Amino acid sequence: MKKITIGYTVYVLVLFLYFYYVYPLTSFHDTRYGALAHAFFFAMWPLQLLMLYILTKKTNLMEQLERMRSEIKKVLLYVTVLTVLDYVVHFPFRFIWYQITIKEGIGTQDFLSWLAERLLHTGMFWLVLFFIILTVRAMMKKWPNLWGLMLWLFAIPVVLFVVFVQPIWIDPLFDDFTSLPEGELREEIETLTEDAGINDATLLVANKSEKTSTYNAYVTGIFQHTRIVLWDTTILGMDQNEILFIMAHEIAHYIYHHVYWGVGLYLLLTLVVCIILQQWTRSWKSIYSLPSLTKLLLITVTILMLTQPLSLWVSREMENQADRYAIEHTENLYPALTSYRLLAEQSKADISPAPWISWFRSSHPSIAERMERIKEEIENRETNPSFDSYR
């Protein structure tokens, strides 16, 4: 325990010294905010792994819980211990980062609102983990040699249900949503959706200005609950043509079914992980015991950390595809160029992160890459007037 604490402390100190003083940050602002964002990410990155590793070595508590007769109480206490420890080890970093975002003008959320939201996240994490542990133990007891496959089969309808209801039940717990108001902007966006053959997506505005000053838009939901969401900060901070380019990008996610692809690939990854865990634990005794489950969680977190770069690469490819669509379907690309610059300026982001950083934490191509792609397209159109990719 002492060696782990000292090692992690040294790791964090070196990490922050490197990112604050050495890392070659590229930003539109004279601030180290973008570099510190990397530092905080990598500082928290191994915390869950270290916590679980320590718990696998300190088995007395797990064994005491295992001796309890009531299955529900046993799992309740076990999940509560994990959740509280996870909250405690992450909280200092999250609180300091919250203070930095406020100081930099990125965050606008008051402390009590921020704390309540963090507690809500933690409560939902506790509920999901309780459900997972209870289900895994039951399946391990019933199908000791096939529990991984059975768990995956059970997960398919659960995952689809959660993704289906997320826009209705989960997202509104954290943000207020309203319909995009009638007016020229809505008419222009509806023209884009009609040209793309989209007639069933709901256009919404998320009230994000109470929490942040940054800009964003996204697509969420499946089947008839698919929604294209625009942050109110984006509406307030960008002009119409800039917003239309961003919406063309989001429409591309819709028409290319990226949400469905994401769900499908997630289920495929889940199958692989479940099969690996099932095979890994074949020789274990009492695999459903809490000490064994703690070791299983440690292995699971390790696998997910190792596969995260692949998941992020897939996400970046989807974003590249959406960018290409937006460029091809935008006649005047100068507002598109401005939109990316505004996104970077408002978020004070690192516009050209090092490749290894993108590999570990970037779900989108860098702003520098995206701006360069647009500049090349503008140059192609200007040097060759007959060249027109606009459809």
Protein backbone atom coordinates (compact mmCIF):
# COMPACT_ATOMS: atom_id res chain seq x y z
CA MET A 1 0.00 0.00 0.00
CA LYS A 2 2.80 2.41 0.96
CA LYS A 3 4.77 1.65 -2.22
CA ILE A 4 1.67 2.14 -4.36
CA THR A 5 0.91 5.48 -2.69
CA ILE A 6 4.47 6.75 -3.13
CA GLY A 7 4.63 5.50 -6.71
CA TYR A 8 1.33 7.12 -7.64
CA THR A 9 2.32 10.41 -5.95
CA VAL A 10 5.56 10.54 -7.94
CA TYR A 11 3.62 9.69 -11.12
CA VAL A 12 1.18 12.58 -10.55
CA LEU A 13 3.95 15.08 -9.73
CA VAL A 14 5.95 14.19 -12.84
CA LEU A 15 2.76 14.27 -14.91
CA PHE A 16 1.76 17.78 -13.85
CA LEU A 17 5.31 19.15 -14.12
CA TYR A 18 5.56 17.79 -17.65
CA PHE A 19 2.21 19.09 -18.87
CA TYR A 20 2.49 22.47 -17.18
CA TYR A 21 6.08 23.30 -18.10
CA VAL A 22 7.26 21.01 -20.93
CA TYR A 23 4.38 19.76 -23.08
CA PRO A 24 4.24 21.67 -26.42
CA LEU A 25 0.68 22.97 -26.22
CA THR A 26 -0.93 24.46 -29.32
CA SER A 27 -3.86 26.70 -28.44
CA PHE A 28 -5.57 29.91 -29.48
CA HIS A 29 -5.18 31.17 -25.90
CA ASP A 30 -2.18 32.14 -23.80
CA THR A 31 -3.06 29.66 -21.07
CA ARG A 32 -2.03 26.13 -20.07
CA TYR A 33 -5.65 25.04 -19.69
CA GLY A 34 -5.48 22.56 -22.57
CA ALA A 35 -2.31 20.97 -21.18
CA LEU A 36 -3.80 20.73 -17.69
CA ALA A 37 -6.83 18.95 -19.15
CA HIS A 38 -4.45 16.23 -20.33
CA ALA A 39 -2.72 16.12 -16.95
CA PHE A 40 -5.95 15.65 -15.01
CA PHE A 41 -7.12 12.95 -17.41
CA PHE A 42 -3.94 10.90 -17.03
CA ALA A 43 -3.81 11.53 -13.28
CA MET A 44 -7.25 9.95 -12.83
CA TRP A 45 -6.75 7.31 -15.52
CA PRO A 46 -5.23 4.57 -13.27
CA LEU A 47 -7.15 5.38 -10.07
CA GLN A 48 -9.89 2.79 -10.50
CA LEU A 49 -7.33 0.15 -11.39
CA LEU A 50 -5.21 0.95 -8.33
CA MET A 51 -8.25 0.95 -6.06
CA LEU A 52 -9.36 -2.49 -7.21
CA TYR A 53 -5.81 -3.85 -7.01
CA ILE A 54 -5.54 -2.75 -3.38
CA LEU A 55 -8.91 -4.32 -2.60
CA THR A 56 -7.75 -7.65 -4.07
CA LYS A 57 -4.87 -7.59 -1.59
CA LYS A 58 -7.03 -6.52 1.37
CA THR A 59 -9.45 -9.43 1.33
CA ASN A 60 -10.60 -9.36 4.97
CA LEU A 61 -13.47 -6.95 4.32
CA MET A 62 -14.61 -8.86 1.22
CA GLU A 63 -14.54 -12.16 3.12
CA GLN A 64 -16.55 -10.67 5.98
CA LEU A 65 -19.18 -9.43 3.57
CA GLU A 66 -19.28 -12.82 1.85
CA ARG A 67 -20.18 -14.49 5.16
CA MET A 68 -23.40 -12.47 5.41
CA ARG A 69 -26.51 -14.58 4.82
CA SER A 70 -28.65 -12.11 2.91
CA GLU A 71 -27.64 -11.92 -0.77
CA ILE A 72 -29.22 -8.50 -1.22
CA LYS A 73 -27.55 -6.96 1.84
CA LYS A 74 -24.24 -8.54 0.91
CA VAL A 75 -24.23 -7.07 -2.59
CA LEU A 76 -25.62 -3.75 -1.35
CA LEU A 77 -22.74 -3.30 1.09
CA TYR A 78 -20.16 -4.50 -1.42
CA VAL A 79 -21.34 -2.10 -4.12
CA THR A 80 -21.56 0.74 -1.59
CA VAL A 81 -17.94 0.17 -0.54
CA LEU A 82 -16.79 0.22 -4.17
CA THR A 83 -18.83 3.31 -5.02
CA VAL A 84 -17.74 5.31 -1.97
CA LEU A 85 -14.07 4.48 -2.54
CA ASP A 86 -14.36 5.37 -6.23
CA TYR A 87 -15.98 8.71 -5.34
CA VAL A 88 -13.42 9.53 -2.65
CA VAL A 89 -10.30 8.81 -4.74
CA HIS A 90 -11.60 10.82 -7.72
CA PHE A 91 -13.17 13.72 -5.84
CA PRO A 92 -10.01 15.81 -5.15
CA PHE A 93 -9.08 15.85 -8.83
CA ARG A 94 -12.63 16.56 -9.96
CA PHE A 95 -13.04 19.39 -7.43
CA ILE A 96 -9.74 21.04 -8.37
CA TRP A 97 -10.61 20.72 -12.07
CA TYR A 98 -14.02 22.27 -11.38
CA GLN A 99 -12.29 25.25 -9.75
CA ILE A 100 -9.94 25.62 -12.71
CA THR A 101 -12.81 25.61 -15.22
CA ILE A 102 -14.55 28.35 -13.24
CA LYS A 103 -11.38 30.42 -13.06
CA GLU A 104 -10.75 30.02 -16.80
CA GLY A 105 -14.33 31.02 -17.64
CA ILE A 106 -15.16 27.61 -19.09
CA GLY A 107 -17.42 26.47 -16.27
CA THR A 108 -20.42 28.55 -15.19
CA GLN A 109 -22.11 26.09 -12.81
CA ASP A 110 -22.37 27.02 -9.12
CA PHE A 111 -20.74 24.66 -6.63
CA LEU A 112 -23.90 23.21 -5.07
CA SER A 113 -25.36 22.44 -8.49
CA TRP A 114 -22.07 20.84 -9.55
CA LEU A 115 -21.90 18.78 -6.36
CA ALA A 116 -25.52 17.63 -6.71
CA GLU A 117 -24.82 16.53 -10.29
CA ARG A 118 -21.71 14.61 -9.22
CA LEU A 119 -23.73 12.87 -6.50
CA LEU A 120 -26.43 12.01 -9.02
CA HIS A 121 -23.80 10.49 -11.31
CA THR A 122 -22.46 8.51 -8.37
CA GLY A 123 -25.93 7.34 -7.38
CA MET A 124 -26.60 6.09 -10.90
CA PHE A 125 -23.20 4.37 -10.97
CA TRP A 126 -24.09 2.66 -7.66
CA LEU A 127 -27.45 1.50 -9.02
CA VAL A 128 -25.97 0.12 -12.26
CA LEU A 129 -23.12 -1.62 -10.43
CA PHE A 130 -25.54 -3.19 -7.94
CA PHE A 131 -27.66 -4.54 -10.78
CA ILE A 132 -24.59 -5.89 -12.61
CA ILE A 133 -23.04 -7.59 -9.56
CA LEU A 134 -26.34 -9.16 -8.53
CA THR A 135 -26.91 -10.48 -12.05
CA VAL A 136 -23.35 -11.76 -12.50
CA ARG A 137 -23.43 -13.67 -9.21
CA ALA A 138 -26.77 -15.26 -10.08
CA MET A 139 -25.54 -16.35 -13.51
CA MET A 140 -22.25 -17.68 -12.16
CA LYS A 141 -24.17 -19.87 -9.74
CA LYS A 142 -26.65 -21.09 -12.36
CA TRP A 143 -24.27 -21.48 -15.33
CA PRO A 144 -20.72 -21.79 -13.89
CA ASN A 145 -19.22 -22.73 -17.29
CA LEU A 146 -21.35 -20.50 -19.53
CA TRP A 147 -21.99 -17.47 -17.37
CA GLY A 148 -20.10 -15.08 -19.70
CA LEU A 149 -22.17 -15.98 -22.75
CA MET A 150 -25.42 -15.94 -20.77
CA LEU A 151 -24.54 -12.56 -19.29
CA TRP A 152 -23.94 -11.15 -22.78
CA LEU A 153 -27.25 -12.51 -24.08
CA PHE A 154 -28.97 -10.88 -21.10
CA ALA A 155 -27.09 -7.61 -21.72
CA ILE A 156 -28.34 -7.17 -25.30
CA PRO A 157 -31.95 -6.17 -24.49
CA VAL A 158 -30.78 -4.22 -21.42
CA VAL A 159 -28.32 -2.11 -23.44
CA LEU A 160 -30.86 -1.48 -26.19
CA PHE A 161 -33.46 -0.46 -23.62
CA VAL A 162 -31.07 1.96 -21.87
CA VAL A 163 -30.01 3.58 -25.17
CA PHE A 164 -33.67 3.79 -26.19
CA VAL A 165 -34.86 5.52 -23.00
CA GLN A 166 -31.74 7.62 -22.36
CA PRO A 167 -33.07 10.74 -24.15
CA ILE A 168 -36.37 10.48 -22.24
CA TRP A 169 -35.46 9.46 -18.71
CA ILE A 170 -31.71 9.89 -18.18
CA ASP A 171 -30.58 13.01 -20.07
CA PRO A 172 -33.34 15.22 -18.59
CA LEU A 173 -31.98 14.43 -15.10
CA PHE A 174 -28.90 16.46 -15.97
CA ASP A 175 -30.07 19.05 -18.52
CA ASP A 176 -33.20 20.94 -19.50
CA PHE A 177 -34.36 20.43 -23.09
CA THR A 178 -36.72 22.49 -25.22
CA SER A 179 -37.77 22.29 -28.85
CA LEU A 180 -35.71 24.36 -31.25
CA PRO A 181 -37.74 27.59 -31.60
CA GLU A 182 -39.53 28.43 -34.80
CA GLY A 183 -37.62 30.83 -36.99
CA GLU A 184 -35.06 31.09 -39.78
CA LEU A 185 -32.50 28.83 -38.07
CA ARG A 186 -35.01 26.02 -37.57
CA GLU A 187 -36.24 26.39 -41.16
CA GLU A 188 -32.69 26.14 -42.51
CA ILE A 189 -31.93 23.08 -40.36
CA GLU A 190 -35.17 21.43 -41.46
CA THR A 191 -34.14 22.06 -45.07
CA LEU A 192 -30.88 20.23 -44.35
CA THR A 193 -32.70 17.29 -42.77
CA GLU A 194 -35.22 17.10 -45.63
CA ASP A 195 -32.41 17.13 -48.22
CA ALA A 196 -30.79 14.27 -46.29
CA GLY A 197 -34.06 12.31 -46.27
CA ILE A 198 -34.57 12.70 -42.53
CA ASN A 199 -38.15 13.24 -41.42
CA ASP A 200 -38.32 11.71 -37.94
CA ALA A 201 -35.50 13.29 -35.94
CA THR A 202 -36.48 15.65 -33.12
CA LEU A 203 -34.62 18.99 -33.00
CA LEU A 204 -33.89 20.12 -29.44
CA VAL A 205 -31.95 22.77 -27.54
CA ALA A 206 -30.08 21.82 -24.35
CA ASN A 207 -29.77 24.52 -21.70
CA LYS A 208 -26.02 24.28 -21.13
CA SER A 209 -25.28 27.93 -20.45
CA GLU A 210 -25.96 27.33 -16.73
CA LYS A 211 -22.99 24.93 -16.66
CA THR A 212 -20.50 25.90 -19.36
CA SER A 213 -19.61 28.52 -21.93
CA THR A 214 -18.40 26.01 -24.54
CA TYR A 215 -20.20 25.05 -27.74
CA ASN A 216 -21.46 21.65 -28.82
CA ALA A 217 -24.15 19.60 -30.59
CA TYR A 218 -24.80 15.87 -30.71
CA VAL A 219 -27.07 13.05 -31.86
CA THR A 220 -28.58 10.61 -29.37
CA GLY A 221 -31.23 7.90 -29.08
CA ILE A 222 -32.43 5.11 -31.36
CA PHE A 223 -35.63 4.30 -33.23
CA GLN A 224 -38.33 6.97 -32.82
CA HIS A 225 -36.46 8.63 -29.94
CA THR A 226 -33.55 9.84 -32.08
CA ARG A 227 -32.73 13.46 -31.33
CA ILE A 228 -30.41 16.09 -32.76
CA VAL A 229 -29.44 18.35 -29.87
CA LEU A 230 -27.93 21.82 -30.12
CA TRP A 231 -26.51 23.54 -27.02
CA ASP A 232 -27.96 26.97 -26.30
CA THR A 233 -24.40 28.32 -25.98
CA THR A 234 -23.84 27.39 -29.63
CA ILE A 235 -26.93 29.32 -30.71
CA LEU A 236 -25.86 32.36 -28.70
CA GLY A 237 -22.18 32.30 -29.71
CA MET A 238 -22.21 31.40 -33.41
CA ASP A 239 -23.86 32.89 -36.46
CA GLN A 240 -26.35 30.94 -38.53
CA ASN A 241 -23.98 29.66 -41.23
CA GLU A 242 -21.53 28.39 -38.64
CA ILE A 243 -24.33 26.57 -36.84
CA LEU A 244 -25.61 25.08 -40.10
CA PHE A 245 -22.22 23.53 -40.80
CA ILE A 246 -22.18 21.95 -37.35
CA MET A 247 -25.72 20.66 -37.87
CA ALA A 248 -24.71 19.17 -41.23
CA HIS A 249 -22.04 17.26 -39.32
CA GLU A 250 -24.62 15.99 -36.80
CA ILE A 251 -27.05 15.07 -39.58
CA ALA A 252 -24.27 12.93 -41.06
CA HIS A 253 -24.09 10.96 -37.81
CA TYR A 254 -27.80 10.36 -38.20
CA ILE A 255 -27.84 9.27 -41.83
CA TYR A 256 -24.77 7.04 -41.40
CA HIS A 257 -26.44 5.39 -38.37
CA HIS A 258 -23.43 6.05 -36.15
CA VAL A 259 -25.46 5.61 -32.97
CA TYR A 260 -26.51 2.14 -34.14
CA TRP A 261 -22.94 1.30 -35.15
CA GLY A 262 -21.76 2.48 -31.76
CA VAL A 263 -24.26 0.28 -29.94
CA GLY A 264 -23.42 -2.71 -32.16
CA LEU A 265 -19.67 -2.35 -31.66
CA TYR A 266 -20.18 -1.89 -27.92
CA LEU A 267 -22.14 -5.15 -27.78
CA LEU A 268 -19.42 -6.88 -29.81
CA LEU A 269 -16.76 -5.64 -27.39
CA THR A 270 -18.93 -6.79 -24.49
CA LEU A 271 -19.14 -10.27 -26.01
CA VAL A 272 -15.35 -10.46 -26.39
CA VAL A 273 -14.80 -9.29 -22.81
CA CYS A 274 -17.40 -11.71 -21.42
CA ILE A 275 -15.86 -14.68 -23.26
CA ILE A 276 -12.33 -13.73 -22.12
CA LEU A 277 -13.50 -13.43 -18.51
CA GLN A 278 -15.42 -16.70 -18.72
CA GLN A 279 -12.34 -18.54 -20.01
CA TRP A 280 -10.01 -16.79 -17.57
CA THR A 281 -12.03 -17.90 -14.54
CA ARG A 282 -12.60 -21.56 -15.51
CA SER A 283 -10.15 -22.83 -12.89
CA TRP A 284 -11.24 -20.42 -10.15
CA LYS A 285 -13.03 -21.75 -7.10
CA SER A 286 -16.17 -19.90 -5.97
CA ILE A 287 -15.90 -17.42 -8.81
CA TYR A 288 -19.03 -15.66 -7.58
CA SER A 289 -17.49 -14.87 -4.17
CA LEU A 290 -16.84 -11.19 -3.49
CA PRO A 291 -13.01 -11.57 -3.35
CA SER A 292 -13.15 -13.33 -6.75
CA LEU A 293 -15.52 -10.69 -8.16
CA THR A 294 -13.15 -7.95 -7.06
CA LYS A 295 -10.35 -9.67 -8.97
CA LEU A 296 -12.71 -10.05 -11.93
CA LEU A 297 -13.51 -6.33 -11.86
CA LEU A 298 -9.78 -5.58 -11.84
CA ILE A 299 -9.28 -7.72 -14.95
CA THR A 300 -12.32 -6.15 -16.63
CA VAL A 301 -11.10 -2.60 -16.02
CA THR A 302 -7.66 -3.56 -17.35
CA ILE A 303 -9.14 -5.01 -20.56
CA LEU A 304 -11.33 -1.94 -21.08
CA MET A 305 -8.35 0.37 -20.58
CA LEU A 306 -6.33 -1.61 -23.12
CA THR A 307 -9.15 -1.58 -25.68
CA GLN A 308 -10.02 2.11 -25.15
CA PRO A 309 -7.62 3.31 -27.89
CA LEU A 310 -9.39 1.09 -30.41
CA SER A 311 -12.80 2.44 -29.36
CA LEU A 312 -11.51 6.01 -29.68
CA TRP A 313 -10.09 5.27 -33.13
CA VAL A 314 -13.50 4.04 -34.28
CA SER A 315 -15.07 7.21 -32.89
CA ARG A 316 -12.56 9.41 -34.71
CA GLU A 317 -13.29 7.59 -37.98
CA MET A 318 -17.01 8.25 -37.53
CA GLU A 319 -16.26 11.92 -36.86
CA ASN A 320 -14.08 12.09 -39.98
CA GLN A 321 -16.92 10.60 -42.02
CA ALA A 322 -19.34 13.18 -40.61
CA ASP A 323 -16.87 15.98 -41.34
CA ARG A 324 -16.52 14.86 -44.96
CA TYR A 325 -20.29 14.83 -45.39
CA ALA A 326 -20.63 18.31 -43.89
CA ILE A 327 -17.88 19.68 -46.14
CA GLU A 328 -19.39 18.11 -49.26
CA HIS A 329 -22.83 19.52 -48.43
CA THR A 330 -21.69 23.05 -47.53
CA GLU A 331 -21.31 25.60 -50.33
CA ASN A 332 -19.52 28.34 -48.38
CA LEU A 333 -16.81 26.78 -46.22
CA TYR A 334 -15.45 29.95 -44.61
CA PRO A 335 -18.10 29.86 -41.84
CA ALA A 336 -17.20 26.18 -41.36
CA LEU A 337 -13.59 27.17 -40.78
CA THR A 338 -14.71 29.83 -38.32
CA SER A 339 -16.95 27.39 -36.47
CA TYR A 340 -14.03 25.12 -35.61
CA ARG A 341 -11.91 28.06 -34.52
CA LEU A 342 -14.72 29.26 -32.27
CA LEU A 343 -15.07 25.78 -30.76
CA ALA A 344 -11.36 25.77 -29.95
CA GLU A 345 -11.27 29.35 -28.69
CA GLN A 346 -14.26 28.93 -26.41
CA SER A 347 -13.01 25.65 -24.93
CA LYS A 348 -9.35 26.78 -24.80
CA ALA A 349 -8.52 23.33 -26.13
CA ASP A 350 -5.27 21.82 -27.31
CA ILE A 351 -5.90 22.07 -31.05
CA SER A 352 -3.09 19.67 -32.00
CA PRO A 353 -2.53 17.10 -29.23
CA ALA A 354 0.43 14.73 -29.48
CA PRO A 355 -0.45 11.48 -31.29
CA TRP A 356 -0.09 9.40 -28.12
CA ILE A 357 -2.54 11.68 -26.33
CA SER A 358 -5.08 11.39 -29.16
CA TRP A 359 -4.63 7.62 -29.02
CA PHE A 360 -5.58 7.49 -25.33
CA ARG A 361 -8.23 10.19 -24.96
CA SER A 362 -9.46 11.79 -28.22
CA SER A 363 -12.86 10.75 -29.52
CA HIS A 364 -12.63 13.42 -32.26
CA PRO A 365 -9.94 14.42 -34.74
CA SER A 366 -7.92 17.41 -33.58
CA ILE A 367 -9.22 20.87 -34.38
CA ALA A 368 -6.02 21.52 -36.35
CA GLU A 369 -6.68 18.47 -38.57
CA ARG A 370 -10.29 19.49 -39.15
CA MET A 371 -9.41 23.07 -40.00
CA GLU A 372 -6.65 21.92 -42.37
CA ARG A 373 -9.10 19.65 -44.18
CA ILE A 374 -11.45 22.58 -44.76
CA LYS A 375 -8.61 24.85 -45.91
CA GLU A 376 -7.55 22.24 -48.46
CA GLU A 377 -11.12 21.99 -49.74
CA ILE A 378 -11.41 25.77 -50.02
CA GLU A 379 -8.13 25.88 -51.97
CA ASN A 380 -9.34 23.11 -54.30
CA ARG A 381 -12.53 24.98 -55.06
CA GLU A 382 -10.78 28.32 -55.59
CA THR A 383 -7.98 26.96 -57.81
CA ASN A 384 -10.37 24.82 -59.82
CA PRO A 385 -13.69 26.68 -60.30
CA SER A 386 -15.18 23.67 -62.07
CA PHE A 387 -14.46 21.56 -59.01
CA ASP A 388 -17.56 21.55 -56.84
CA SER A 389 -18.18 18.84 -54.27
CA TYR A 390 -21.37 20.47 -53.08
CA ARG A 391 -24.36 18.21 -53.69
